[in-house]
N, C-alpha and C. Protein backbone atom coordinates (compact mmCIF):
# COMPACT_ATOMS: atom_id res chain seq x y z
N MET A 1 203.33 184.63 140.61
CA MET A 1 202.67 184.99 139.37
C MET A 1 201.50 185.93 139.65
N LYS A 2 200.72 185.66 140.71
CA LYS A 2 199.58 186.50 141.04
C LYS A 2 200.02 187.92 141.36
N LYS A 3 201.14 188.07 142.03
CA LYS A 3 201.64 189.40 142.39
C LYS A 3 201.97 190.19 141.13
N TYR A 4 202.61 189.55 140.15
CA TYR A 4 202.98 190.23 138.91
C TYR A 4 201.73 190.62 138.11
N PHE A 5 200.74 189.72 138.10
CA PHE A 5 199.50 189.98 137.37
C PHE A 5 198.78 191.17 137.99
N THR A 6 198.67 191.22 139.32
CA THR A 6 198.03 192.33 140.02
C THR A 6 198.79 193.62 139.77
N LEU A 7 200.09 193.57 139.81
CA LEU A 7 200.91 194.75 139.57
C LEU A 7 200.71 195.25 138.14
N SER A 8 200.60 194.34 137.17
CA SER A 8 200.38 194.73 135.77
C SER A 8 199.04 195.43 135.62
N ILE A 9 198.02 194.90 136.22
CA ILE A 9 196.69 195.51 136.14
C ILE A 9 196.71 196.88 136.79
N LEU A 10 197.32 197.01 137.93
CA LEU A 10 197.41 198.32 138.59
C LEU A 10 198.19 199.30 137.72
N SER A 11 199.26 198.86 137.11
CA SER A 11 200.04 199.74 136.24
C SER A 11 199.22 200.20 135.06
N LEU A 12 198.48 199.28 134.44
CA LEU A 12 197.63 199.66 133.32
C LEU A 12 196.57 200.65 133.75
N GLY A 13 195.96 200.42 134.88
CA GLY A 13 194.93 201.34 135.40
C GLY A 13 195.48 202.73 135.62
N LEU A 14 196.70 202.81 136.16
CA LEU A 14 197.32 204.11 136.40
C LEU A 14 197.62 204.82 135.09
N CYS A 15 198.04 204.09 134.08
CA CYS A 15 198.32 204.70 132.78
C CYS A 15 197.07 205.28 132.16
N PHE A 16 195.98 204.53 132.21
CA PHE A 16 194.75 205.02 131.60
C PHE A 16 194.17 206.21 132.36
N SER A 17 194.20 206.20 133.66
CA SER A 17 193.61 207.30 134.42
C SER A 17 194.49 208.55 134.35
N ALA A 18 195.78 208.38 134.09
CA ALA A 18 196.68 209.54 134.02
C ALA A 18 196.49 210.29 132.72
N THR A 19 196.25 209.59 131.60
CA THR A 19 196.12 210.27 130.33
C THR A 19 194.75 210.90 130.17
N ALA A 20 193.71 210.15 130.36
CA ALA A 20 192.33 210.63 130.31
C ALA A 20 192.06 211.51 129.10
N GLN A 21 192.51 211.08 127.94
CA GLN A 21 192.28 211.82 126.71
C GLN A 21 191.45 210.97 125.76
N THR A 22 190.58 211.63 124.99
CA THR A 22 189.74 210.94 124.03
C THR A 22 189.91 211.60 122.67
N ALA A 23 190.16 210.78 121.65
CA ALA A 23 190.28 211.26 120.28
C ALA A 23 189.09 210.74 119.49
N ILE A 24 188.50 211.60 118.66
CA ILE A 24 187.37 211.20 117.84
C ILE A 24 187.79 211.34 116.38
N GLY A 25 187.72 210.23 115.65
CA GLY A 25 188.09 210.23 114.24
C GLY A 25 189.58 210.12 114.00
N LYS A 26 190.35 209.82 115.04
CA LYS A 26 191.78 209.61 114.93
C LYS A 26 192.24 208.77 116.10
N LYS A 27 193.50 208.34 116.07
CA LYS A 27 193.97 207.39 117.08
C LYS A 27 194.38 208.01 118.40
N THR A 28 194.95 209.22 118.38
CA THR A 28 195.40 209.83 119.63
C THR A 28 195.00 211.29 119.68
N ALA A 29 194.82 211.78 120.90
CA ALA A 29 194.51 213.20 121.12
C ALA A 29 195.81 213.99 121.11
N ASP A 30 195.76 215.19 120.56
CA ASP A 30 196.94 216.03 120.49
C ASP A 30 197.13 216.84 121.76
N GLY A 31 198.40 217.00 122.16
CA GLY A 31 198.79 217.92 123.23
C GLY A 31 197.96 217.86 124.48
N SER A 32 197.54 219.01 124.93
CA SER A 32 196.82 219.16 126.19
C SER A 32 195.31 219.16 125.98
N SER A 33 194.80 218.14 125.33
CA SER A 33 193.36 218.07 125.11
C SER A 33 192.78 216.87 125.82
N VAL A 34 191.60 217.06 126.39
CA VAL A 34 190.88 215.95 127.00
C VAL A 34 189.95 215.32 125.95
N LEU A 35 189.52 216.12 124.97
CA LEU A 35 188.68 215.64 123.87
C LEU A 35 189.16 216.35 122.61
N ASP A 36 189.51 215.58 121.58
CA ASP A 36 190.11 216.14 120.37
C ASP A 36 189.50 215.46 119.15
N PHE A 37 189.37 216.20 118.06
CA PHE A 37 188.73 215.71 116.85
C PHE A 37 189.73 215.68 115.69
N ALA A 38 189.49 214.79 114.74
CA ALA A 38 190.34 214.68 113.56
C ALA A 38 190.26 215.95 112.73
N SER A 39 191.36 216.29 112.07
CA SER A 39 191.34 217.46 111.19
C SER A 39 190.66 217.09 109.88
N GLY A 40 190.25 218.10 109.13
CA GLY A 40 189.62 217.87 107.84
C GLY A 40 188.16 217.49 107.93
N THR A 41 187.55 217.66 109.08
CA THR A 41 186.14 217.30 109.22
C THR A 41 185.24 218.47 108.83
N THR A 42 184.00 218.19 108.56
CA THR A 42 182.99 219.25 108.40
C THR A 42 181.86 219.01 109.39
N LYS A 43 182.18 218.28 110.45
CA LYS A 43 181.21 218.00 111.50
C LYS A 43 181.65 218.70 112.78
N GLY A 44 180.71 219.31 113.47
CA GLY A 44 181.02 220.01 114.72
C GLY A 44 180.32 219.35 115.89
N ILE A 45 180.38 219.99 117.02
CA ILE A 45 179.68 219.53 118.22
C ILE A 45 178.29 220.13 118.20
N ILE A 46 177.28 219.33 118.47
CA ILE A 46 175.91 219.83 118.58
C ILE A 46 175.62 220.00 120.07
N LEU A 47 175.37 221.24 120.47
CA LEU A 47 175.10 221.52 121.88
C LEU A 47 173.71 221.05 122.27
N PRO A 48 173.51 220.74 123.56
CA PRO A 48 172.17 220.35 124.01
C PRO A 48 171.21 221.52 123.82
N ALA A 49 170.00 221.22 123.34
CA ALA A 49 168.95 222.22 123.19
C ALA A 49 167.99 222.06 124.35
N VAL A 50 167.84 223.12 125.16
CA VAL A 50 167.01 223.02 126.37
C VAL A 50 165.88 224.03 126.32
N GLU A 51 164.78 223.68 126.99
CA GLU A 51 163.66 224.60 127.10
C GLU A 51 163.71 225.35 128.43
N THR A 52 164.41 224.78 129.42
CA THR A 52 164.58 225.41 130.72
C THR A 52 166.07 225.45 131.04
N LEU A 53 166.58 226.63 131.39
CA LEU A 53 168.00 226.75 131.73
C LEU A 53 168.29 226.00 133.02
N PRO A 54 169.46 225.37 133.14
CA PRO A 54 169.81 224.63 134.36
C PRO A 54 169.79 225.54 135.59
N ALA A 55 169.36 224.98 136.72
CA ALA A 55 169.26 225.77 137.96
C ALA A 55 170.62 226.10 138.54
N THR A 56 171.57 225.19 138.46
CA THR A 56 172.90 225.42 139.04
C THR A 56 173.99 225.08 138.01
N PRO A 57 174.11 225.89 136.96
CA PRO A 57 175.12 225.58 135.95
C PRO A 57 176.54 225.88 136.43
N ALA A 58 177.50 225.21 135.86
CA ALA A 58 178.91 225.46 136.16
C ALA A 58 179.45 226.43 135.12
N ASN A 59 180.46 227.21 135.49
CA ASN A 59 181.12 228.08 134.51
C ASN A 59 181.58 227.23 133.34
N GLY A 60 181.38 227.75 132.14
CA GLY A 60 181.78 227.03 130.93
C GLY A 60 180.70 226.12 130.38
N THR A 61 179.47 226.19 130.92
CA THR A 61 178.36 225.41 130.39
C THR A 61 177.89 226.05 129.09
N PHE A 62 177.81 225.26 128.01
CA PHE A 62 177.32 225.73 126.72
C PHE A 62 176.00 225.03 126.42
N LEU A 63 175.05 225.75 125.83
CA LEU A 63 173.78 225.15 125.44
C LEU A 63 173.08 226.00 124.40
N PHE A 64 172.05 225.43 123.77
CA PHE A 64 171.19 226.16 122.85
C PHE A 64 169.86 226.33 123.57
N ASP A 65 169.47 227.57 123.84
CA ASP A 65 168.20 227.89 124.51
C ASP A 65 167.10 227.87 123.46
N LYS A 66 166.23 226.84 123.51
CA LYS A 66 165.18 226.70 122.50
C LYS A 66 164.13 227.80 122.60
N VAL A 67 163.93 228.36 123.79
CA VAL A 67 162.92 229.40 123.97
C VAL A 67 163.37 230.71 123.32
N SER A 68 164.58 231.17 123.64
CA SER A 68 165.07 232.43 123.08
C SER A 68 165.77 232.22 121.73
N LYS A 69 166.03 230.95 121.36
CA LYS A 69 166.70 230.58 120.11
C LYS A 69 168.08 231.21 120.02
N ILE A 70 168.82 231.15 121.13
CA ILE A 70 170.15 231.73 121.22
C ILE A 70 171.11 230.71 121.83
N LEU A 71 172.32 230.63 121.29
CA LEU A 71 173.37 229.83 121.90
C LEU A 71 173.92 230.61 123.08
N LYS A 72 174.10 229.93 124.21
CA LYS A 72 174.53 230.61 125.44
C LYS A 72 175.66 229.86 126.12
N MET A 73 176.44 230.63 126.90
CA MET A 73 177.50 230.06 127.73
C MET A 73 177.35 230.68 129.12
N TYR A 74 177.50 229.87 130.15
CA TYR A 74 177.42 230.37 131.52
C TYR A 74 178.80 230.78 131.99
N GLN A 75 178.91 232.03 132.47
CA GLN A 75 180.20 232.56 132.89
C GLN A 75 180.02 233.50 134.07
N ASN A 76 180.67 233.20 135.17
CA ASN A 76 180.68 234.06 136.37
C ASN A 76 179.29 234.52 136.81
N GLY A 77 178.38 233.58 136.90
CA GLY A 77 177.05 233.86 137.44
C GLY A 77 176.05 234.41 136.44
N ALA A 78 176.39 234.45 135.16
CA ALA A 78 175.45 234.99 134.17
C ALA A 78 175.56 234.22 132.85
N TRP A 79 174.46 234.19 132.12
CA TRP A 79 174.44 233.59 130.80
C TRP A 79 174.89 234.63 129.78
N VAL A 80 175.86 234.26 128.95
CA VAL A 80 176.38 235.14 127.90
C VAL A 80 175.82 234.63 126.57
N ASN A 81 175.20 235.52 125.80
CA ASN A 81 174.68 235.15 124.49
C ASN A 81 175.83 235.02 123.50
N LEU A 82 175.89 233.89 122.80
CA LEU A 82 176.94 233.67 121.81
C LEU A 82 176.43 233.86 120.38
N SER A 83 175.14 234.11 120.24
CA SER A 83 174.57 234.32 118.91
C SER A 83 173.43 235.31 118.99
N GLY A 84 172.98 235.74 117.83
CA GLY A 84 171.74 236.50 117.76
C GLY A 84 170.59 235.52 117.84
N VAL A 85 169.38 236.03 117.69
CA VAL A 85 168.22 235.14 117.71
C VAL A 85 168.25 234.30 116.45
N GLY A 86 168.24 233.01 116.65
CA GLY A 86 168.32 232.07 115.53
C GLY A 86 166.96 231.60 115.09
N ASP A 87 166.95 230.49 114.39
CA ASP A 87 165.73 229.92 113.86
C ASP A 87 165.82 228.41 113.98
N ILE A 88 164.85 227.82 114.67
CA ILE A 88 164.83 226.36 114.79
C ILE A 88 163.62 225.78 114.08
N ALA A 89 162.85 226.64 113.39
CA ALA A 89 161.69 226.16 112.65
C ALA A 89 162.16 225.23 111.53
N GLY A 90 161.49 224.13 111.38
CA GLY A 90 161.81 223.21 110.31
C GLY A 90 162.98 222.28 110.60
N THR A 91 163.62 222.41 111.78
CA THR A 91 164.70 221.48 112.08
C THR A 91 164.12 220.14 112.49
N VAL A 92 164.84 219.12 112.16
CA VAL A 92 164.41 217.76 112.49
C VAL A 92 165.06 217.37 113.80
N PRO A 93 164.27 216.98 114.80
CA PRO A 93 164.88 216.55 116.06
C PRO A 93 165.81 215.38 115.83
N ILE A 94 166.89 215.37 116.58
CA ILE A 94 167.86 214.28 116.46
C ILE A 94 167.23 213.01 117.03
N ALA A 95 167.16 211.96 116.23
CA ALA A 95 166.52 210.71 116.65
C ALA A 95 167.42 209.96 117.63
N PRO A 96 166.92 209.17 118.54
CA PRO A 96 165.51 209.05 118.85
C PRO A 96 165.09 210.14 119.83
N TYR A 97 164.16 210.95 119.46
CA TYR A 97 163.74 212.10 120.27
C TYR A 97 162.25 212.00 120.52
N SER A 98 161.86 212.10 121.77
CA SER A 98 160.44 211.99 122.10
C SER A 98 160.00 213.13 122.99
N GLY A 99 160.53 214.32 122.76
CA GLY A 99 160.15 215.46 123.59
C GLY A 99 161.24 215.77 124.59
N THR A 100 161.25 215.06 125.70
CA THR A 100 162.25 215.28 126.74
C THR A 100 162.94 213.98 127.06
N VAL A 101 164.24 214.00 127.00
CA VAL A 101 165.02 212.81 127.34
C VAL A 101 165.86 213.15 128.56
N ASN A 102 165.61 212.48 129.67
CA ASN A 102 166.40 212.69 130.87
C ASN A 102 166.49 211.37 131.61
N ASN A 103 167.53 210.62 131.34
CA ASN A 103 167.68 209.34 132.02
C ASN A 103 168.57 209.46 133.25
N GLY A 104 168.95 210.70 133.59
CA GLY A 104 169.76 210.91 134.79
C GLY A 104 171.20 210.50 134.64
N LYS A 105 171.63 210.16 133.44
CA LYS A 105 173.00 209.71 133.22
C LYS A 105 173.80 210.79 132.53
N GLN A 106 175.11 210.69 132.64
CA GLN A 106 176.01 211.63 131.98
C GLN A 106 177.29 210.92 131.60
N THR A 107 178.03 211.52 130.70
CA THR A 107 179.34 211.01 130.33
C THR A 107 180.37 211.97 130.88
N VAL A 108 181.32 211.44 131.61
CA VAL A 108 182.40 212.24 132.19
C VAL A 108 183.70 211.77 131.57
N ILE A 109 184.47 212.70 131.01
CA ILE A 109 185.77 212.39 130.44
C ILE A 109 186.82 213.14 131.23
N GLY A 110 187.87 212.46 131.63
CA GLY A 110 188.97 213.09 132.36
C GLY A 110 188.92 212.87 133.86
N SER A 111 187.85 212.25 134.34
CA SER A 111 187.71 211.98 135.77
C SER A 111 186.77 210.80 135.95
N ARG A 112 186.82 210.20 137.11
CA ARG A 112 185.91 209.09 137.39
C ARG A 112 184.53 209.57 137.81
N ALA A 113 184.45 210.78 138.32
CA ALA A 113 183.17 211.32 138.79
C ALA A 113 183.20 212.84 138.71
N THR A 114 182.03 213.45 138.83
CA THR A 114 181.93 214.90 138.81
C THR A 114 180.73 215.35 139.65
N THR A 115 180.77 216.57 140.11
CA THR A 115 179.61 217.15 140.81
C THR A 115 178.87 218.10 139.88
N VAL A 116 179.38 218.28 138.66
CA VAL A 116 178.78 219.20 137.70
C VAL A 116 177.59 218.55 137.02
N ASP A 117 176.52 219.32 136.83
CA ASP A 117 175.32 218.83 136.17
C ASP A 117 175.46 219.08 134.67
N GLY A 118 175.58 218.02 133.89
CA GLY A 118 175.70 218.15 132.44
C GLY A 118 175.61 216.80 131.78
N VAL A 119 175.31 216.79 130.49
CA VAL A 119 175.21 215.55 129.75
C VAL A 119 176.60 215.02 129.44
N LEU A 120 177.49 215.91 128.96
CA LEU A 120 178.88 215.56 128.71
C LEU A 120 179.73 216.52 129.52
N VAL A 121 180.50 215.99 130.45
CA VAL A 121 181.32 216.82 131.33
C VAL A 121 182.78 216.45 131.11
N LEU A 122 183.57 217.46 130.79
CA LEU A 122 185.01 217.27 130.63
C LEU A 122 185.67 217.82 131.87
N GLU A 123 186.27 216.95 132.67
CA GLU A 123 186.90 217.33 133.94
C GLU A 123 188.41 217.18 133.80
N SER A 124 189.15 218.25 133.97
CA SER A 124 190.60 218.16 133.94
C SER A 124 191.20 219.42 134.53
N ALA A 125 192.26 219.24 135.28
CA ALA A 125 192.97 220.39 135.85
C ALA A 125 193.99 220.96 134.87
N ASN A 126 194.34 220.17 133.82
CA ASN A 126 195.39 220.65 132.93
C ASN A 126 195.18 220.31 131.45
N LYS A 127 193.95 219.96 131.07
CA LYS A 127 193.65 219.66 129.68
C LYS A 127 192.39 220.40 129.27
N ALA A 128 192.23 220.63 127.96
CA ALA A 128 191.10 221.41 127.46
C ALA A 128 190.37 220.66 126.36
N LEU A 129 189.23 221.17 125.98
CA LEU A 129 188.48 220.68 124.84
C LEU A 129 189.07 221.33 123.59
N VAL A 130 189.38 220.53 122.59
CA VAL A 130 189.79 221.05 121.30
C VAL A 130 188.62 220.82 120.36
N LEU A 131 188.02 221.91 119.91
CA LEU A 131 186.84 221.82 119.05
C LEU A 131 187.20 221.25 117.68
N PRO A 132 186.22 220.67 116.99
CA PRO A 132 186.47 220.26 115.61
C PRO A 132 186.92 221.49 114.81
N LYS A 133 187.95 221.32 113.99
CA LYS A 133 188.50 222.43 113.21
C LYS A 133 187.96 222.37 111.79
N ILE A 134 187.27 223.44 111.36
CA ILE A 134 186.66 223.50 110.04
C ILE A 134 187.02 224.84 109.40
N SER A 135 187.53 224.80 108.20
CA SER A 135 187.81 226.03 107.47
C SER A 135 186.51 226.54 106.84
N ASN A 136 186.16 227.78 107.13
CA ASN A 136 184.95 228.41 106.56
C ASN A 136 183.69 227.56 106.73
N PRO A 137 183.25 227.31 107.95
CA PRO A 137 182.07 226.45 108.13
C PRO A 137 180.83 226.99 107.41
N HIS A 138 180.73 228.31 107.24
CA HIS A 138 179.57 228.87 106.55
C HIS A 138 179.53 228.43 105.08
N LEU A 139 180.66 228.01 104.53
CA LEU A 139 180.72 227.50 103.16
C LEU A 139 180.79 225.98 103.10
N ASN A 140 181.50 225.37 104.04
CA ASN A 140 181.82 223.94 103.95
C ASN A 140 180.88 223.01 104.70
N VAL A 141 180.11 223.51 105.66
CA VAL A 141 179.15 222.65 106.36
C VAL A 141 177.81 222.81 105.64
N LYS A 142 177.43 221.79 104.91
CA LYS A 142 176.26 221.88 104.03
C LYS A 142 174.93 221.95 104.76
N SER A 143 174.77 221.24 105.85
CA SER A 143 173.49 221.24 106.58
C SER A 143 173.75 221.40 108.07
N PRO A 144 174.19 222.59 108.51
CA PRO A 144 174.45 222.75 109.94
C PRO A 144 173.16 222.67 110.75
N TYR A 145 173.30 222.19 111.96
CA TYR A 145 172.15 222.04 112.87
C TYR A 145 172.22 223.13 113.92
N PRO A 146 171.09 223.71 114.32
CA PRO A 146 171.12 224.74 115.37
C PRO A 146 171.82 224.21 116.63
N GLY A 147 172.78 224.97 117.13
CA GLY A 147 173.55 224.55 118.29
C GLY A 147 174.89 223.95 117.92
N MET A 148 175.24 223.95 116.62
CA MET A 148 176.53 223.40 116.21
C MET A 148 177.64 224.38 116.56
N MET A 149 178.76 223.83 117.03
CA MET A 149 179.90 224.64 117.45
C MET A 149 181.17 224.00 116.91
N CYS A 150 182.09 224.83 116.38
CA CYS A 150 183.37 224.37 115.87
C CYS A 150 184.37 225.52 115.92
N TYR A 151 185.60 225.25 115.48
CA TYR A 151 186.62 226.30 115.39
C TYR A 151 186.88 226.55 113.92
N ASP A 152 186.68 227.80 113.47
CA ASP A 152 186.93 228.17 112.08
C ASP A 152 188.41 228.46 111.92
N THR A 153 189.12 227.59 111.20
CA THR A 153 190.56 227.75 111.03
C THR A 153 190.92 228.92 110.14
N ASN A 154 190.01 229.35 109.28
CA ASN A 154 190.27 230.50 108.42
C ASN A 154 190.16 231.81 109.20
N ARG A 155 189.09 231.97 109.97
CA ARG A 155 188.89 233.20 110.76
C ARG A 155 189.61 233.16 112.10
N LYS A 156 190.09 231.97 112.48
CA LYS A 156 190.73 231.77 113.79
C LYS A 156 189.78 232.23 114.90
N ALA A 157 188.56 231.64 114.88
CA ALA A 157 187.51 232.04 115.81
C ALA A 157 186.58 230.87 116.12
N LEU A 158 185.92 230.95 117.28
CA LEU A 158 184.86 230.03 117.63
C LEU A 158 183.68 230.33 116.71
N ALA A 159 183.11 229.30 116.10
CA ALA A 159 181.95 229.48 115.23
C ALA A 159 180.78 228.71 115.81
N VAL A 160 179.64 229.39 115.95
CA VAL A 160 178.42 228.75 116.47
C VAL A 160 177.28 229.05 115.50
N PHE A 161 176.47 228.02 115.23
CA PHE A 161 175.35 228.17 114.30
C PHE A 161 174.05 228.20 115.09
N ASP A 162 173.27 229.25 114.91
CA ASP A 162 172.03 229.42 115.68
C ASP A 162 170.78 228.99 114.92
N GLY A 163 170.95 228.34 113.79
CA GLY A 163 169.81 227.91 113.00
C GLY A 163 169.52 228.86 111.86
N LEU A 164 170.12 230.05 111.92
CA LEU A 164 169.92 231.06 110.90
C LEU A 164 171.25 231.47 110.25
N VAL A 165 172.21 231.85 111.09
CA VAL A 165 173.52 232.28 110.60
C VAL A 165 174.62 231.74 111.51
N TRP A 166 175.85 231.78 110.99
CA TRP A 166 177.03 231.46 111.79
C TRP A 166 177.44 232.71 112.55
N ASN A 167 177.79 232.56 113.83
CA ASN A 167 178.27 233.64 114.68
C ASN A 167 179.71 233.31 115.07
N TYR A 168 180.57 234.33 115.10
CA TYR A 168 182.00 234.12 115.33
C TYR A 168 182.47 234.87 116.56
N TRP A 169 183.30 234.21 117.38
CA TRP A 169 183.87 234.78 118.59
C TRP A 169 185.37 234.60 118.58
N ARG A 170 186.09 235.67 118.85
CA ARG A 170 187.56 235.58 118.96
C ARG A 170 187.96 235.67 120.40
C-alpha cells in the first residue's frame, strides 16, 4: 500500500510541475500560456512602479519608471520606452503602501526557482504570458492606473496606460 501511495504522490507532482499554467478568473489556461486571464474583463496587469531601475534586469522586464513617468521594457541591454511621458499626479498608491516595499520575496510561475530579479517571474521554455484581453481599453476601462497593461482586441495591439493616455504597440 505504501508503494502505491508514494507512486500516486509522485505522479501527481509530475503532473503539476509539467503543466505549470495559471488561470485567473477562469478554470484553465488556454494553449501555450503560463499565465492567462478570463475574457470579457476590464482589468489589466499593473506593472511595478519603481524609482530606481534594476541594476541587472532580464530581457522582457516591464516596469513603470516613476521618475521619468514612462512605461519601459528591457530588451537587449537597453530600456525601450513604451509610452510618452505620463502623469502620476493624483494617483492613489495601491494599499498597503508605505513608500518602499521590499521583502525580498518573489512569485515564480512555471518553475520552482529562478535567477531573475523580479516581483513576478514567469519562467517557461515553451509557454508565454497571455495579457488580459480588453476591447477598446481607452473607452471601457473607467479608472485605469498608471502602469496598466493589456491587449486591445479591437486594435490587435499591446495597450499600456502611462497615467495620461493609452499607448499602443503592434
